[in-house]
Protein backbone atom coordinates (compact mmCIF):
# COMPACT_ATOMS: atom_id res chain seq x y z
CA MET A 1 0.00 0.00 0.00
CA GLU A 2 1.41 3.40 -0.98
CA ILE A 3 1.60 6.12 1.68
CA ALA A 4 -0.26 9.25 0.69
CA GLY A 5 1.39 12.65 1.16
CA THR A 6 4.85 13.82 2.11
CA ILE A 7 4.28 16.04 5.15
CA LYS A 8 7.54 17.21 6.70
CA THR A 9 6.57 18.95 9.95
CA ALA A 10 4.73 18.12 13.20
CA THR A 11 1.92 20.57 12.42
CA GLU A 12 -0.61 17.86 11.59
CA ARG A 13 -0.25 16.24 15.01
CA GLU A 14 -0.45 19.68 16.62
CA LYS A 15 -3.68 20.37 14.72
CA LEU A 16 -5.12 17.09 15.89
CA TYR A 17 -4.18 17.86 19.47
CA ARG A 18 -5.89 21.26 19.29
CA LYS A 19 -8.97 19.60 17.81
CA TYR A 20 -9.40 17.16 20.71
CA LYS A 21 -7.63 19.01 23.53
CA HIS A 22 -10.93 19.96 25.24
CA LEU A 23 -11.89 16.27 25.43
CA ILE A 24 -8.65 15.10 27.05
CA LYS A 25 -9.34 14.90 30.77
CA THR A 26 -7.61 13.19 33.68
CA ASP A 27 -9.69 10.71 35.69
CA GLN A 28 -8.15 10.41 39.14
CA LYS A 29 -9.87 7.03 39.63
CA LEU A 30 -7.93 5.48 36.74
CA ASP A 31 -4.74 4.34 38.43
CA ARG A 32 -2.38 1.82 36.84
CA THR A 33 -3.63 -0.98 39.07
CA LEU A 34 -7.19 -0.55 37.82
CA VAL A 35 -6.23 -0.27 34.16
CA SER A 36 -3.68 -3.12 34.21
CA PHE A 37 -3.95 -6.78 35.16
CA GLN A 38 -2.80 -6.05 38.71
CA ALA A 39 -6.31 -5.52 40.10
CA ASN A 40 -7.20 -9.05 38.93
CA LYS A 41 -4.76 -10.70 41.33
CA GLN A 42 -7.51 -11.50 43.84
CA GLU A 43 -9.63 -13.28 41.22
CA ALA A 44 -9.27 -17.02 40.79
CA LEU A 45 -8.26 -17.27 37.13
CA TYR A 46 -5.51 -14.67 37.50
CA ARG A 47 -4.18 -16.33 40.62
CA TRP A 48 -3.95 -19.55 38.66
CA PHE A 49 -2.35 -18.05 35.56
CA LYS A 50 -0.40 -14.78 35.25
CA TYR A 51 -1.96 -13.22 32.17
CA LYS A 52 -0.55 -9.69 32.16
CA GLU A 53 -2.03 -8.45 28.88
CA GLY A 54 -5.28 -6.61 29.49
CA PHE A 55 -7.15 -4.62 32.09
CA SER A 56 -8.99 -5.49 35.29
CA LYS A 57 -12.57 -6.64 35.74
CA ARG A 58 -13.06 -3.72 38.10
CA LEU A 59 -12.32 -1.34 35.23
CA VAL A 60 -14.96 -3.04 33.07
CA LYS A 61 -17.62 -2.68 35.76
CA TYR A 62 -16.58 0.93 36.40
CA PHE A 63 -17.17 1.95 32.76
CA ILE A 64 -20.31 -0.13 32.29
CA ASN A 65 -21.88 1.54 35.31
CA LYS A 66 -20.63 4.96 34.18
CA TYR A 67 -21.80 4.81 30.55
CA HIS A 68 -24.34 2.00 30.13
CA PRO A 69 -25.81 0.69 33.39
CA LYS A 70 -28.76 -0.88 31.55
CA VAL A 71 -28.04 -4.56 30.82
CA GLY A 72 -27.45 -5.47 27.18
CA HIS A 73 -24.99 -7.30 24.91
CA ILE A 74 -21.29 -6.43 25.17
CA LEU A 75 -18.46 -7.22 22.75
CA ASP A 76 -14.71 -7.36 23.27
CA PRO A 77 -12.92 -7.75 19.90
CA PHE A 78 -9.61 -8.44 21.69
CA ALA A 79 -10.91 -10.55 24.54
CA GLY A 80 -7.60 -11.77 25.97
CA ALA A 81 -8.34 -13.90 29.04
CA GLY A 82 -11.90 -12.56 29.22
CA SER A 83 -11.91 -9.71 31.75
CA THR A 84 -14.62 -7.86 29.84
CA LEU A 85 -16.72 -10.96 29.28
CA PHE A 86 -16.72 -12.32 32.81
CA ALA A 87 -17.12 -8.92 34.46
CA ALA A 88 -20.08 -8.08 32.23
CA LYS A 89 -21.64 -11.51 32.73
CA GLU A 90 -21.50 -11.01 36.50
CA LEU A 91 -23.61 -7.87 35.93
CA GLY A 92 -26.15 -9.84 33.90
CA TRP A 93 -24.90 -8.92 30.41
CA ASP A 94 -24.71 -11.23 27.43
CA ALA A 95 -21.06 -11.20 26.39
CA THR A 96 -19.22 -12.02 23.16
CA GLY A 97 -15.47 -12.01 22.78
CA ILE A 98 -13.17 -12.44 19.80
CA GLU A 99 -9.68 -13.76 20.51
CA ILE A 100 -6.94 -15.10 18.28
CA LEU A 101 -4.22 -15.97 20.82
CA PRO A 102 -4.78 -19.59 21.96
CA VAL A 103 -3.38 -18.72 25.38
CA GLY A 104 -6.28 -16.40 26.13
CA ILE A 105 -8.80 -18.81 24.63
CA PHE A 106 -7.60 -21.67 26.84
CA ALA A 107 -7.70 -19.39 29.91
CA MET A 108 -11.32 -18.50 29.16
CA GLN A 109 -12.22 -22.14 28.59
CA ALA A 110 -10.67 -23.03 31.96
CA ARG A 111 -12.62 -20.23 33.64
CA LEU A 112 -15.87 -21.54 32.16
CA ALA A 113 -14.99 -25.10 33.15
CA SER A 114 -14.33 -23.99 36.73
CA GLU A 115 -17.94 -22.82 37.06
CA LYS A 116 -19.17 -26.35 36.37
CA VAL A 117 -16.73 -28.40 38.46
CA ASP A 118 -17.68 -29.78 41.85
CA GLY A 119 -14.89 -29.06 44.34
CA LYS A 120 -15.19 -32.42 46.10
CA GLU A 121 -14.97 -34.32 42.83
CA PHE A 122 -11.93 -32.25 41.85
CA ALA A 123 -10.22 -33.09 45.16
CA LYS A 124 -11.04 -36.76 44.67
CA THR A 125 -9.50 -36.69 41.17
CA ILE A 126 -6.29 -35.21 42.56
CA LYS A 127 -5.90 -38.21 44.86
CA GLU A 128 -6.65 -40.65 42.03
CA VAL A 129 -4.10 -39.06 39.70
CA TRP A 130 -1.33 -39.14 42.29
CA ARG A 131 -2.16 -42.70 43.25
CA LYS A 132 -1.51 -43.82 39.66
CA PHE A 133 1.38 -41.43 38.95
CA ASP A 134 4.65 -43.33 38.46
CA ILE A 135 7.58 -40.94 38.14
CA ASN A 136 9.82 -43.77 36.93
CA LYS A 137 7.80 -44.39 33.77
CA THR A 138 8.87 -43.09 30.39
CA PRO A 139 6.21 -40.92 28.75
CA MET A 140 4.71 -42.27 25.53
CA ASN A 141 4.31 -38.81 24.02
CA LYS A 142 6.33 -35.62 24.36
CA LEU A 143 5.67 -31.95 23.78
CA LYS A 144 7.17 -31.01 20.43
CA ASN A 145 9.42 -28.04 21.15
CA ILE A 146 10.16 -25.37 18.58
CA PRO A 147 13.56 -23.64 18.20
CA ILE A 148 12.76 -20.83 20.66
CA THR A 149 11.61 -23.29 23.38
CA LYS A 150 14.14 -26.10 22.95
CA GLY A 151 15.86 -26.86 26.25
CA ALA A 152 13.44 -24.69 28.24
CA TYR A 153 13.02 -27.21 31.07
CA PRO A 154 15.35 -29.23 33.24
CA GLY A 155 15.19 -32.83 31.94
CA GLU A 156 13.27 -34.27 34.90
CA ASN A 157 10.68 -31.48 34.79
CA GLU A 158 10.02 -32.00 31.11
CA LYS A 159 9.68 -35.77 31.59
CA LEU A 160 7.21 -35.40 34.47
CA LEU A 161 5.23 -32.76 32.61
CA ASN A 162 4.74 -35.18 29.73
CA LEU A 163 3.78 -38.01 32.12
CA TYR A 164 1.28 -35.77 33.88
CA LEU A 165 -0.40 -34.83 30.60
CA GLU A 166 -0.81 -38.51 29.77
CA HIS A 167 -2.58 -39.01 33.10
CA CYS A 168 -4.81 -36.02 32.35
CA ASN A 169 -6.02 -37.72 29.19
CA ASN A 170 -7.48 -40.51 31.33
CA ILE A 171 -9.73 -38.16 33.32
CA SER A 172 -13.31 -38.81 32.21
CA ASN A 173 -14.90 -35.53 33.34
CA ALA A 174 -14.14 -33.05 30.54
CA ASP A 175 -14.27 -29.95 32.76
CA ILE A 176 -12.01 -31.47 35.42
CA LYS A 177 -9.62 -32.58 32.68
CA THR A 178 -9.51 -28.99 31.39
CA LEU A 179 -8.64 -27.68 34.85
CA PHE A 180 -5.94 -30.32 35.38
CA LYS A 181 -4.32 -29.38 32.07
CA PHE A 182 -4.70 -25.71 32.90
CA ALA A 183 -2.87 -26.31 36.18
CA ALA A 184 0.17 -27.55 34.24
CA PHE A 185 -0.26 -24.78 31.68
CA SER A 186 -0.06 -22.26 34.53
CA ILE A 187 3.29 -23.43 35.93
CA LEU A 188 5.36 -23.68 32.74
CA GLU A 189 7.38 -20.58 33.55
CA GLU A 190 7.99 -21.71 37.15
CA ILE A 191 9.45 -25.06 36.10
CA SER A 192 11.49 -23.68 33.18
CA TYR A 193 14.72 -21.79 32.69
CA THR A 194 12.75 -18.86 31.23
CA ARG A 195 10.98 -15.76 32.41
CA LYS A 196 8.63 -13.53 30.45
CA ASP A 197 10.26 -10.16 29.98
CA GLY A 198 8.34 -7.69 27.85
CA GLN A 199 8.43 -8.82 24.26
CA TYR A 200 10.56 -11.94 24.65
CA LEU A 201 11.66 -14.79 26.94
CA ARG A 202 14.71 -14.27 29.14
CA TRP A 203 16.85 -17.35 29.65
CA ASP A 204 18.50 -18.31 32.93
CA TYR A 205 22.25 -18.88 32.71
CA ARG A 206 21.71 -22.50 33.82
CA ALA A 207 20.03 -23.31 30.50
CA ASN A 208 22.29 -24.89 27.92
CA ARG A 209 22.12 -21.96 25.52
CA SER A 210 23.43 -18.42 25.13
CA TRP A 211 21.96 -15.86 27.53
CA GLY A 212 23.24 -12.72 25.83
CA LYS A 213 25.46 -10.00 27.28
CA THR A 214 24.10 -10.19 30.84
CA LYS A 215 24.14 -13.32 32.96
CA PHE A 216 20.56 -13.77 34.18
CA ASN A 217 19.53 -15.76 37.25
CA LYS A 218 15.77 -16.12 37.57
CA GLY A 219 16.04 -17.56 41.07
CA LYS A 220 14.43 -20.81 42.13
CA ILE A 221 13.38 -23.19 39.39
CA TYR A 222 10.62 -25.28 40.92
CA SER A 223 10.44 -29.03 40.53
CA PHE A 224 7.42 -30.16 38.53
CA GLN A 225 5.95 -32.03 41.49
CA GLU A 226 6.25 -29.10 43.87
CA ALA A 227 4.76 -26.63 41.39
CA ILE A 228 1.87 -28.80 40.19
CA GLU A 229 0.83 -29.91 43.69
CA LYS A 230 0.76 -26.29 44.81
CA LYS A 231 -1.27 -25.22 41.77
CA LEU A 232 -3.80 -28.05 42.05
CA ASN A 233 -4.31 -27.31 45.73
CA GLN A 234 -4.79 -23.63 44.93
CA ILE A 235 -7.47 -24.47 42.37
CA LYS A 236 -9.08 -26.93 44.78
CA GLN A 237 -9.32 -24.23 47.43
CA ASP A 238 -10.75 -21.70 44.99
CA LEU A 239 -13.47 -24.16 43.92
CA ASN A 240 -14.92 -23.90 47.43
CA PRO A 241 -17.99 -21.57 47.22
CA VAL A 242 -17.31 -20.24 50.70
CA VAL A 243 -13.76 -19.24 49.73
CA ASN A 244 -14.40 -17.91 46.24
CA LEU A 245 -17.68 -16.12 45.65
CA GLU A 246 -16.42 -14.95 42.25
CA LEU A 247 -17.00 -18.37 40.70
CA PHE A 248 -20.32 -18.83 42.46
CA SER A 249 -22.02 -15.46 42.08
CA ASN A 250 -25.05 -14.84 44.26
CA ASN A 251 -26.48 -12.21 41.91
CA LYS A 252 -28.32 -14.69 39.75
CA GLN A 253 -31.67 -14.05 41.40
CA ASN A 254 -31.62 -10.54 39.88
CA TRP A 255 -31.29 -11.82 36.31
CA ASN A 256 -34.29 -12.22 34.03
CA LYS A 257 -32.35 -14.95 32.23
CA GLU A 258 -28.98 -16.64 32.45
CA PRO A 259 -26.58 -14.37 30.53
CA SER A 260 -24.68 -15.95 27.65
CA LEU A 261 -20.93 -15.92 27.11
CA ASN A 262 -19.69 -16.64 23.61
CA ILE A 263 -16.05 -16.95 22.53
CA LEU A 264 -15.26 -16.52 18.82
CA GLU A 265 -11.83 -17.86 17.94
CA GLY A 266 -9.93 -15.99 15.27
CA SER A 267 -8.89 -12.56 14.03
CA SER A 268 -11.16 -9.56 14.58
CA LEU A 269 -10.07 -8.32 11.15
CA GLU A 270 -11.83 -11.34 9.64
CA MET A 271 -14.69 -11.80 12.11
CA LEU A 272 -15.97 -8.28 12.74
CA PRO A 273 -17.09 -7.75 9.09
CA LYS A 274 -19.28 -10.87 9.41
CA LEU A 275 -21.18 -9.69 12.49
CA GLU A 276 -24.65 -8.20 12.18
CA THR A 277 -25.07 -4.43 11.95
CA ASN A 278 -26.42 -2.69 15.08
CA SER A 279 -26.08 -5.82 17.22
CA PHE A 280 -24.14 -4.71 20.33
CA ASP A 281 -25.00 -2.22 23.07
CA PHE A 282 -21.47 -1.71 24.36
CA ILE A 283 -17.92 -2.47 23.23
CA MET A 284 -15.03 -2.49 25.66
CA THR A 285 -11.59 -3.60 24.64
CA SER A 286 -7.86 -3.12 24.76
CA PRO A 287 -6.16 -3.99 21.46
CA PRO A 288 -2.50 -4.93 21.34
CA TYR A 289 -0.47 -1.74 21.67
CA CYS A 290 1.81 -0.45 18.93
CA ASN A 291 4.82 -1.34 21.06
CA ARG A 292 6.63 -4.21 19.27
CA TYR A 293 5.51 -6.86 21.79
CA ASP A 294 5.44 -10.28 20.20
CA TYR A 295 2.96 -12.40 22.13
CA THR A 296 3.90 -15.51 20.16
CA ARG A 297 7.40 -15.30 21.66
CA THR A 298 6.34 -14.23 25.14
CA TYR A 299 3.93 -17.17 25.31
CA ALA A 300 6.03 -19.61 23.30
CA LEU A 301 6.04 -22.29 26.04
CA GLU A 302 2.26 -22.09 26.32
CA LEU A 303 1.75 -22.31 22.56
CA VAL A 304 3.91 -25.45 22.36
CA PHE A 305 1.91 -26.88 25.28
CA LEU A 306 -1.25 -26.30 23.21
CA GLY A 307 0.22 -28.19 20.25
CA TYR A 308 1.54 -25.38 18.06
CA ASP A 309 4.56 -26.22 15.92
CA ASP A 310 7.02 -23.70 14.51
CA GLU A 311 5.07 -23.09 11.31
CA ALA A 312 1.80 -22.65 13.20
CA VAL A 313 3.43 -20.11 15.55
CA LYS A 314 4.81 -18.14 12.61
CA ASN A 315 1.41 -18.16 10.88
CA LEU A 316 -0.26 -17.02 14.09
CA ARG A 317 2.23 -14.15 14.40
CA GLN A 318 1.32 -12.92 10.92
CA THR A 319 -2.43 -13.28 11.46
CA MET A 320 -2.49 -11.24 14.66
CA LEU A 321 -2.89 -7.47 14.62
CA SER A 322 0.36 -5.90 13.42
CA CYS A 323 2.26 -4.83 16.53
CA THR A 324 5.66 -6.43 15.97
CA VAL A 325 8.41 -5.62 13.50
CA GLU A 326 7.98 -9.01 11.85
CA ASN A 327 4.37 -8.43 10.80
CA LYS A 328 3.89 -8.14 7.06
CA GLU A 329 1.29 -5.99 5.34
CA LYS A 330 -2.29 -7.33 5.31
CA TYR A 331 -3.66 -4.87 2.74
CA ALA A 332 -4.25 -7.48 0.02
CA THR A 333 -5.71 -9.96 2.51
CA LEU A 334 -8.12 -7.35 3.87
CA ARG A 335 -9.20 -6.39 0.38
CA SER A 336 -9.88 -10.04 -0.42
CA THR A 337 -11.93 -10.42 2.78
CA TYR A 338 -14.14 -7.46 1.91
CA HIS A 339 -14.40 -8.55 -1.72
CA ASN A 340 -15.62 -12.00 -0.68
CA LEU A 341 -18.25 -10.39 1.57
CA ASN A 342 -19.38 -8.05 -1.24
CA LYS A 343 -18.22 -5.09 0.85
CA LEU A 344 -15.60 -3.47 -1.35
CA PRO A 345 -17.18 0.00 -0.93
CA ASP A 346 -16.55 -0.35 2.82
CA PHE A 347 -12.96 -1.31 2.13
CA GLU A 348 -12.41 1.72 -0.09
CA LYS A 349 -13.99 4.02 2.50
CA ILE A 350 -11.72 2.71 5.28
CA ALA A 351 -8.59 3.06 3.12
CA SER A 352 -9.65 6.58 2.17
CA VAL A 353 -10.10 7.62 5.82
CA TYR A 354 -6.66 6.24 6.64
CA ASN A 355 -4.99 8.05 3.73
CA SER A 356 -6.76 11.34 4.43
CA CYS A 357 -5.58 11.54 8.06
CA GLY A 358 -2.83 14.15 7.95
CA ALA A 359 -1.38 13.20 11.33
CA MET A 360 -1.13 9.57 10.23
CA GLN A 361 0.70 10.43 7.05
CA GLU A 362 2.95 12.81 8.97
CA VAL A 363 3.92 9.99 11.35
CA ASN A 364 4.57 7.64 8.44
CA TYR A 365 6.76 10.22 6.71
CA GLN A 366 8.76 11.10 9.82
CA LEU A 367 9.43 7.46 10.65
CA GLN A 368 10.60 6.77 7.12
CA LYS A 369 12.89 9.79 7.35
CA LEU A 370 14.35 8.57 10.66
CA ASN A 371 14.79 5.14 9.15
CA HIS A 372 16.72 6.46 6.15
CA SER A 373 19.00 8.31 8.57
CA GLY A 374 19.63 5.14 10.59
CA LEU A 375 18.01 6.59 13.72
CA LEU A 376 15.58 3.73 14.41
CA ASN A 377 16.82 0.60 16.15
CA ASN A 378 14.85 -1.59 13.75
CA SER A 379 14.25 -0.82 10.10
CA ASN A 380 10.79 -2.43 10.14
CA ILE A 381 9.32 0.00 12.67
CA PRO A 382 7.81 2.28 9.97
CA ARG A 383 6.11 -0.71 8.34
CA MET A 384 4.76 -1.93 11.69
CA VAL A 385 3.33 1.47 12.61
CA LYS A 386 1.76 1.98 9.19
CA ASN A 387 0.14 -1.47 9.27
CA TYR A 388 -1.00 -1.16 12.88
CA PHE A 389 -3.00 1.99 12.23
CA LEU A 390 -4.40 0.76 8.93
CA GLU A 391 -5.66 -2.41 10.58
CA MET A 392 -7.07 -0.43 13.52
CA ALA A 393 -8.97 1.72 11.01
CA PHE A 394 -10.74 -1.44 9.82
CA ILE A 395 -11.45 -2.47 13.42
CA ILE A 396 -12.91 0.94 14.29
CA PHE A 397 -15.08 1.08 11.17
CA GLU A 398 -16.58 -2.30 12.02
CA MET A 399 -17.10 -1.40 15.68
CA HIS A 400 -19.15 1.60 14.57
CA ARG A 401 -21.18 -0.55 12.18
CA ILE A 402 -22.08 -3.29 14.65
CA LEU A 403 -22.75 -0.93 17.56
CA LYS A 404 -26.39 -0.04 18.25
CA PRO A 405 -27.41 3.63 18.17
CA ASN A 406 -26.56 5.30 21.51
CA GLY A 407 -24.08 2.50 22.20
CA SER A 408 -20.56 3.26 23.42
CA VAL A 409 -17.03 2.09 22.73
CA VAL A 410 -14.50 2.16 25.57
CA MET A 411 -10.94 1.43 24.49
CA VAL A 412 -7.74 1.25 26.55
CA ASN A 413 -4.49 2.04 24.76
CA ASP A 414 -1.13 3.78 25.21
CA ASN A 415 0.69 6.33 23.11
CA VAL A 416 4.15 5.36 21.87
CA ARG A 417 7.39 6.97 20.74
CA TYR A 418 10.00 5.82 18.22
CA GLY A 419 13.26 7.65 17.52
CA GLY A 420 12.00 10.60 19.56
CA GLU A 421 8.83 10.93 17.45
CA GLU A 422 5.73 10.77 19.63
CA ILE A 423 2.85 8.93 18.02
CA PRO A 424 -0.49 10.14 19.47
CA VAL A 425 -2.33 6.85 19.19
CA ASP A 426 -5.30 8.26 21.13
CA LEU A 427 -5.77 11.20 18.76
CA ILE A 428 -5.26 9.32 15.49
CA LEU A 429 -7.61 6.48 16.43
CA SER A 430 -10.19 8.96 17.71
CA ASP A 431 -9.92 10.86 14.41
CA PHE A 432 -10.59 7.61 12.54
CA ALA A 433 -13.58 6.98 14.81
CA GLU A 434 -15.04 10.42 14.16
CA SER A 435 -14.57 9.98 10.40
CA PHE A 436 -16.63 6.79 10.57
CA GLY A 437 -19.47 8.49 12.47
CA LEU A 438 -18.63 8.01 16.14
CA THR A 439 -18.77 10.96 18.52
CA ILE A 440 -15.69 11.41 20.69
CA GLU A 441 -17.04 11.90 24.21
CA LYS A 442 -13.85 11.78 26.26
CA ILE A 443 -10.23 10.78 26.11
CA TRP A 444 -9.57 9.90 29.72
CA THR A 445 -5.94 9.93 30.78
CA LEU A 446 -4.37 8.31 33.79
CA PRO A 447 -2.97 10.66 36.44
CA VAL A 448 0.49 9.22 35.78
CA GLY A 449 1.60 8.67 32.21
CA LYS A 450 4.01 6.18 30.72
CA GLY A 451 7.73 6.99 30.83
CA ASN A 452 10.31 6.45 28.14
CA SER A 453 12.83 3.70 27.95
CA SER A 454 16.22 4.66 29.40
CA GLN A 455 17.57 4.94 25.86
CA GLN A 456 14.74 7.26 24.79
CA MET A 457 15.19 9.42 27.90
CA GLY A 458 18.91 9.71 27.26
CA ASN A 459 18.40 10.79 23.67
CA HIS A 460 15.19 12.83 23.87
CA GLY A 461 14.55 13.79 27.50
CA ARG A 462 12.20 12.54 30.20
CA THR A 463 8.67 13.17 29.01
CA GLU A 464 5.56 11.16 29.72
CA LEU A 465 3.32 9.54 27.15
CA ARG A 466 -0.41 9.53 27.67
CA LYS A 467 -2.00 6.33 28.93
CA CYS A 468 -5.61 6.66 27.86
CA VAL A 469 -9.11 5.27 27.90
CA TYR A 470 -11.13 6.54 24.94
CA VAL A 471 -14.93 6.82 25.05
CA TRP A 472 -16.73 7.01 21.72
CA ARG A 473 -20.51 6.99 21.22
CA LYS A 474 -22.73 6.15 18.25
CA ILE A 475 -25.36 8.84 18.20
CA ALA A 476 -28.84 7.79 17.08
CA GLY A 477 -30.26 9.27 13.90
């Protein structure tokens, strides 16, 4: 796709800031704990599995009550581990989520399974599994590692993990089997030489592979038996209704009907165009940020656990929203999708809105200029940024289309900076939204913004980037 325009100054971003300045307000209630995963730590699923991508359930309830207290149907196009879905369901909403990362999908499936499992039967199954567990056996099947996970576990841990999974396959109750597998899924980092660190896995020096310039010691590497027994006991305790009211909500008597929860597996870029127009009352989501994080590397151990081979991981990386430097352009694929749905006029409209956004083209030009001067630490950053915003334009168009009149979109996202160039994600995406017919009600900012990396601060000074929650509304008529 060709980039329109050759703007050479920051005036377009300044114009956009002046246009929306009166809507940018600080909400003192939006601290980092509420907006991040941290506020979920007291909820069962997030105690079981550390899923750091996404916001808290408390944030979902806060914005539902603030903007749409009347029960309806909510959508999260980037559902993650399901914070939006489960929080809304607890308030009596029907909930639909779209998610492409198998890690989040499995977490949601485990959460749903936990609602149907009897705690006493789960405890009984633990005893049965350990009674038959022979650590001296050789596993019949083994997880098929990919290059970036090879050698991730001490030999004994990997052997016992494979044996445990074979025992799980003999559990007759499907929901209990899901929770037993999820228990192992949740301890992979603990029993490995790796630790999740931003956009990649950090390797402990004790692993038989290079660890880079700095010798990293992750601390204790748990034995499989110690980690799995602890995790199963934690789940067992949380399945007790007295201990964990979250899984056994007492609000059901206030519902006119049991709310539904539907998980659609796949890319929002492909699925949103297929959803019915005017079908959702509220959309709340947090898309991947334009920050180079590669979830397929961060969650490589978990993807291998779920059966993904190297080719499948690479295909998944390319199918996800473009937020890493390895993502290739999806322009032709998107055009084909809209052509097959007889929606080419929609495609042309979205592309036109993208190309007519002066601030977007200014960002694209400035990043290309920095790239030609060798001032970016990766030459694919301009391509990633261009593709990220183009794909988000398609997402925003479809969110407007499927939202009911008077419905709202609440989106959490961060601004970013590359080579000293600040990219006002909040303003550009809001400008797209307005072009498609949404009214920009507020751009809420957190009281404390996001700092630079040490390298950015050294080169360009210590300035904060806005961490925002956008609120857009579809006005009736």
